[in-house]
Amino acid sequence: MGDLNSELFWAVHRDLPREGPGDTAATLRAFRMMPDLPPDPTILDVGCGPGAQTVTLAQASRGRLIAVDTHRLFLDDLVRRTKWAGVSQRVHPARMSMFNLGFSQGFDVVWSEGAIYIMGFEEGLRAWRAFLKPGGYAAVTEVSWLKPDPAPDAVAFWAEAYPKMASVEGNLSRVRRAGYRPIGHFTLPQSAWWGVYFTPMLARIAELRDAYRGNPEAQAILDEEAAETDLYRQHADDYGYVFYVMQME
């Protein structure tokens, strides 16, 4: 099942606009919350995926960006996007793990949309301080509880998918413990889940259901891929992705 699982994962996710909730408006809003950035900031985009936010950041600044991901297919998408957008000279893809980033201190901003959970929210923030200039900024999105009493099936899903998931206030406490001063935060709108993430992903899943008709193993894997969309449709008020913007103290 492992080979088929990998095959279907890439069949579902290849060439999607984004690999997680987000949109251009949210990226720009978070970027504009950082006062006193130089006109040409250096930005490290960790877990960049296919690079939608990377291109937005390059267009919104005159800065230089290094975009890191472990998956070659995502980085290939990023290269194509930067060429189309005319920013390829200022965006440098790097294939490496966020657990082993070979950079020295020197970035004005560390950015990560939908990826810090791989390390853990507080763990990632602590580790990435090493790459920031004094007074540098970090901006990350993290799935967070929005209500104190979320639905039991939502709790059960995330207890298995991401046991370290916390409330907004809990994450703000983690920000401070990691050595940052919170600048601001906001919840991504539901449209940021559906517009360029869930909707195209569900369309791809529907195509694959036809292609793998009569294969119960494949259909079960596709059910798992679709499960998060069903849960969010029912419980979007209980949890969401939150953008956290902070400055290193």
Foldseek 3Di string as FASTA:
>chain_A
DVVLLVVVVCLLPQPFPDAAFDDLVVLVVLVVLDPPAPQAFEEEEEQCFLPPSVLSVVVVGVYAYEYEEQDPSSVVSNCVVCVVSVRNVRYHYDHDHLVDDPAAADGQEYEYEPPCLVCNLLRSLLVCVRHYDAFHKYKYKDKAFQDPDFDPVVVVVCCVVRVRHYHPVVSCVSCVVSAWAWSDKDFDDPCSGCVRHLVSSVVSLVVVCVVCPPPVVSVVSSCVVCVVVVVCVVGVNGIGMMMTMITGD
